N, C-alpha and C. Protein backbone atom coordinates (compact mmCIF):
# COMPACT_ATOMS: atom_id res chain seq x y z
N UNK A 1 40.65 -5.74 3.76
CA UNK A 1 39.64 -4.87 3.65
C UNK A 1 38.75 -5.05 4.67
N UNK A 2 38.37 -4.27 5.93
CA UNK A 2 37.89 -4.40 7.11
C UNK A 2 36.67 -4.71 6.89
N UNK A 3 35.56 -5.12 8.04
CA UNK A 3 34.66 -5.04 7.79
C UNK A 3 33.61 -3.93 7.87
N UNK A 4 34.01 -2.45 7.44
CA UNK A 4 33.42 -1.15 7.77
C UNK A 4 32.58 -1.54 6.46
N UNK A 5 32.74 -1.84 5.11
CA UNK A 5 31.73 -1.83 4.28
C UNK A 5 30.46 -2.76 4.23
N UNK A 6 30.95 -3.54 5.05
CA UNK A 6 29.83 -5.04 4.71
C UNK A 6 28.93 -4.96 5.82
N UNK A 7 28.64 -4.16 6.99
CA UNK A 7 28.27 -4.15 7.92
C UNK A 7 27.47 -2.83 8.62
N UNK A 8 26.52 -2.04 8.20
CA UNK A 8 26.49 -0.69 8.92
C UNK A 8 26.26 -0.77 10.62
N UNK A 9 26.99 0.51 10.76
CA UNK A 9 26.89 0.85 12.43
C UNK A 9 26.03 0.79 12.84
N UNK A 10 26.04 0.40 14.08
CA UNK A 10 24.80 0.71 15.27
C UNK A 10 23.61 1.88 15.11
N UNK A 11 24.90 3.26 14.61
CA UNK A 11 24.30 4.31 14.64
C UNK A 11 23.46 4.26 13.38
N UNK A 12 23.84 3.98 11.97
CA UNK A 12 23.06 3.80 10.93
C UNK A 12 21.80 2.89 10.91
N UNK A 13 22.01 1.93 11.75
CA UNK A 13 20.84 0.76 12.24
C UNK A 13 19.78 1.58 12.62
N UNK A 14 20.39 2.61 13.62
CA UNK A 14 19.41 3.45 14.90
C UNK A 14 18.58 4.24 14.09
N UNK A 15 19.00 4.77 13.17
CA UNK A 15 18.76 6.27 12.38
C UNK A 15 18.02 5.04 10.88
N UNK A 16 17.83 4.37 10.53
CA UNK A 16 17.20 3.41 9.96
C UNK A 16 15.78 3.06 10.48
N UNK A 17 15.69 2.59 11.59
CA UNK A 17 14.38 2.43 12.52
C UNK A 17 13.99 3.03 13.23
N UNK A 18 14.89 4.87 13.28
CA UNK A 18 14.06 6.05 13.57
C UNK A 18 12.91 6.61 12.24
N UNK A 19 13.83 6.22 11.17
CA UNK A 19 12.93 6.78 9.74
C UNK A 19 11.47 5.59 9.49
N UNK A 20 11.57 4.23 9.61
CA UNK A 20 10.91 3.66 9.64
C UNK A 20 9.07 4.10 11.03
N UNK A 21 10.06 3.99 12.16
CA UNK A 21 8.83 4.86 13.21
C UNK A 21 8.43 5.87 13.00
N UNK A 22 8.91 6.89 12.23
CA UNK A 22 8.32 8.09 12.37
C UNK A 22 7.57 7.75 10.70
N UNK A 23 7.98 6.89 9.97
CA UNK A 23 6.84 6.99 8.75
C UNK A 23 5.33 6.10 9.12
N UNK A 24 5.35 5.27 10.39
CA UNK A 24 4.63 4.37 10.52
C UNK A 24 3.74 5.33 11.93
N UNK A 25 4.26 6.32 12.08
CA UNK A 25 3.64 7.54 13.38
C UNK A 25 3.77 6.80 14.85
N UNK A 26 4.71 5.56 15.05
CA UNK A 26 4.69 5.48 16.46
C UNK A 26 5.48 6.39 16.93
N UNK A 27 5.98 7.22 16.67
CA UNK A 27 7.20 8.14 16.62
C UNK A 27 6.91 9.29 15.69
N UNK A 28 6.55 10.60 16.74
CA UNK A 28 6.70 11.84 15.64
C UNK A 28 7.73 12.36 15.52
N UNK A 29 7.64 12.90 13.98
CA UNK A 29 8.77 13.58 13.77
C UNK A 29 8.69 14.63 13.46
N UNK A 30 7.45 15.11 13.36
CA UNK A 30 7.43 16.67 13.33
C UNK A 30 6.48 17.63 14.28
N UNK A 31 6.69 18.47 14.75
CA UNK A 31 6.03 19.22 16.02
C UNK A 31 4.58 19.54 15.03
N UNK A 32 3.23 19.83 15.97
CA UNK A 32 1.95 19.61 15.15
C UNK A 32 2.03 20.95 14.18
N UNK A 33 2.41 22.29 14.43
CA UNK A 33 2.54 23.36 13.62
C UNK A 33 3.06 23.26 12.46
N UNK A 34 4.04 22.22 12.20
CA UNK A 34 4.38 22.00 10.78
C UNK A 34 3.73 20.23 10.25
N UNK A 35 2.91 20.18 10.86
CA UNK A 35 2.46 19.15 9.87
C UNK A 35 2.14 19.18 8.86
N UNK A 36 2.24 18.19 7.81
CA UNK A 36 1.36 18.18 6.06
C UNK A 36 -0.42 18.53 6.61
N UNK A 37 -0.75 18.94 4.93
CA UNK A 37 -2.30 19.17 4.98
C UNK A 37 -3.09 17.47 5.14
N UNK A 38 -4.09 17.70 5.11
CA UNK A 38 -5.12 16.87 5.14
C UNK A 38 -4.98 15.51 4.23
N UNK A 39 -4.68 16.23 2.90
CA UNK A 39 -4.70 14.98 1.35
C UNK A 39 -3.49 14.44 2.04
N UNK A 40 -2.02 15.01 1.97
CA UNK A 40 -0.72 14.11 2.05
C UNK A 40 -1.16 13.25 3.74
N UNK A 41 -1.22 13.97 4.46
CA UNK A 41 -1.60 12.75 5.85
C UNK A 41 -2.85 11.78 5.35
N UNK A 42 -3.86 11.77 4.75
CA UNK A 42 -4.78 10.44 4.03
C UNK A 42 -3.58 9.85 3.53
N UNK A 43 -3.13 10.09 2.31
CA UNK A 43 -2.38 9.30 1.19
C UNK A 43 -1.36 8.72 2.02
N UNK A 44 -0.63 9.19 3.36
CA UNK A 44 0.52 8.48 4.11
C UNK A 44 -0.65 7.22 4.73
N UNK A 45 -1.85 7.89 5.35
CA UNK A 45 -2.50 6.85 5.96
C UNK A 45 -3.16 5.74 4.93
N UNK A 46 -3.32 6.22 4.26
CA UNK A 46 -3.54 5.09 2.79
C UNK A 46 -2.39 3.75 2.74
N UNK A 47 -1.30 4.57 2.21
CA UNK A 47 0.29 3.79 2.19
C UNK A 47 -0.01 3.03 3.44
N UNK A 48 0.16 3.42 4.51
CA UNK A 48 0.47 2.49 6.13
C UNK A 48 -0.35 1.44 6.04
N UNK A 49 -1.56 1.55 5.55
CA UNK A 49 -2.77 0.63 5.89
C UNK A 49 -2.22 -0.59 4.74
N UNK A 50 -2.13 -0.26 3.39
CA UNK A 50 -1.57 -1.04 2.36
C UNK A 50 -0.25 -1.84 3.12
N UNK A 51 0.66 -0.99 3.15
CA UNK A 51 1.62 -1.60 3.72
C UNK A 51 1.68 -2.74 5.34
N UNK A 52 0.49 -2.25 5.93
CA UNK A 52 0.25 -3.23 6.91
C UNK A 52 -0.36 -4.68 6.60
N UNK A 53 -1.14 -4.56 5.70
CA UNK A 53 -2.24 -5.38 4.97
C UNK A 53 -1.23 -6.30 4.10
N UNK A 54 0.25 -5.72 3.46
CA UNK A 54 0.82 -6.42 3.09
C UNK A 54 1.78 -7.81 3.76
N UNK A 55 2.51 -6.50 4.74
CA UNK A 55 3.01 -7.75 5.47
C UNK A 55 2.19 -8.68 6.73
N UNK A 56 1.00 -8.51 6.62
CA UNK A 56 0.12 -9.59 7.12
C UNK A 56 -0.04 -10.55 5.82
N UNK A 57 -0.09 -10.78 4.71
CA UNK A 57 -0.21 -11.23 4.17
C UNK A 57 1.19 -12.20 3.67
N UNK A 58 2.19 -11.80 3.92
CA UNK A 58 3.60 -12.29 3.71
C UNK A 58 3.21 -13.02 4.86
N UNK A 59 3.21 -12.81 6.16
CA UNK A 59 3.25 -13.33 6.97
C UNK A 59 2.72 -14.91 7.22
N UNK A 60 1.33 -14.33 6.41
CA UNK A 60 -0.01 -15.67 6.35
C UNK A 60 0.94 -16.82 5.10
N UNK A 61 1.75 -16.26 4.09
CA UNK A 61 2.03 -17.12 3.36
C UNK A 61 3.19 -17.92 3.99
N UNK A 62 4.22 -17.27 4.58
CA UNK A 62 5.22 -17.68 5.42
C UNK A 62 4.61 -19.15 5.88
N UNK A 63 3.74 -18.94 7.04
CA UNK A 63 2.77 -19.70 7.77
C UNK A 63 2.66 -20.86 7.14
N UNK A 64 2.26 -20.64 6.31
CA UNK A 64 0.86 -21.53 5.09
C UNK A 64 2.41 -22.45 4.61
N UNK A 65 3.30 -21.63 4.33
CA UNK A 65 4.83 -22.82 3.86
C UNK A 65 5.20 -23.67 4.62
N UNK A 66 5.28 -23.27 6.07
CA UNK A 66 6.20 -23.57 7.11
C UNK A 66 4.97 -24.94 7.38
N UNK A 67 4.09 -24.91 7.91
CA UNK A 67 3.27 -25.41 8.61
C UNK A 67 2.38 -26.00 7.88
């Protein structure tokens, strides 16, 4: 059996990063006329803030554990 099933291809990894960047709005995925409504944008904004706080806390915990 080859290694095809074990490691994703570069194209699949590239797609994964594109989805992450588009979720974080570092890269726009939709034209302005197709954007969701205000409530949905606020919900995604709050989710984005909580994700950044969570990642920051994980980094702080790792730094405290290492040093």
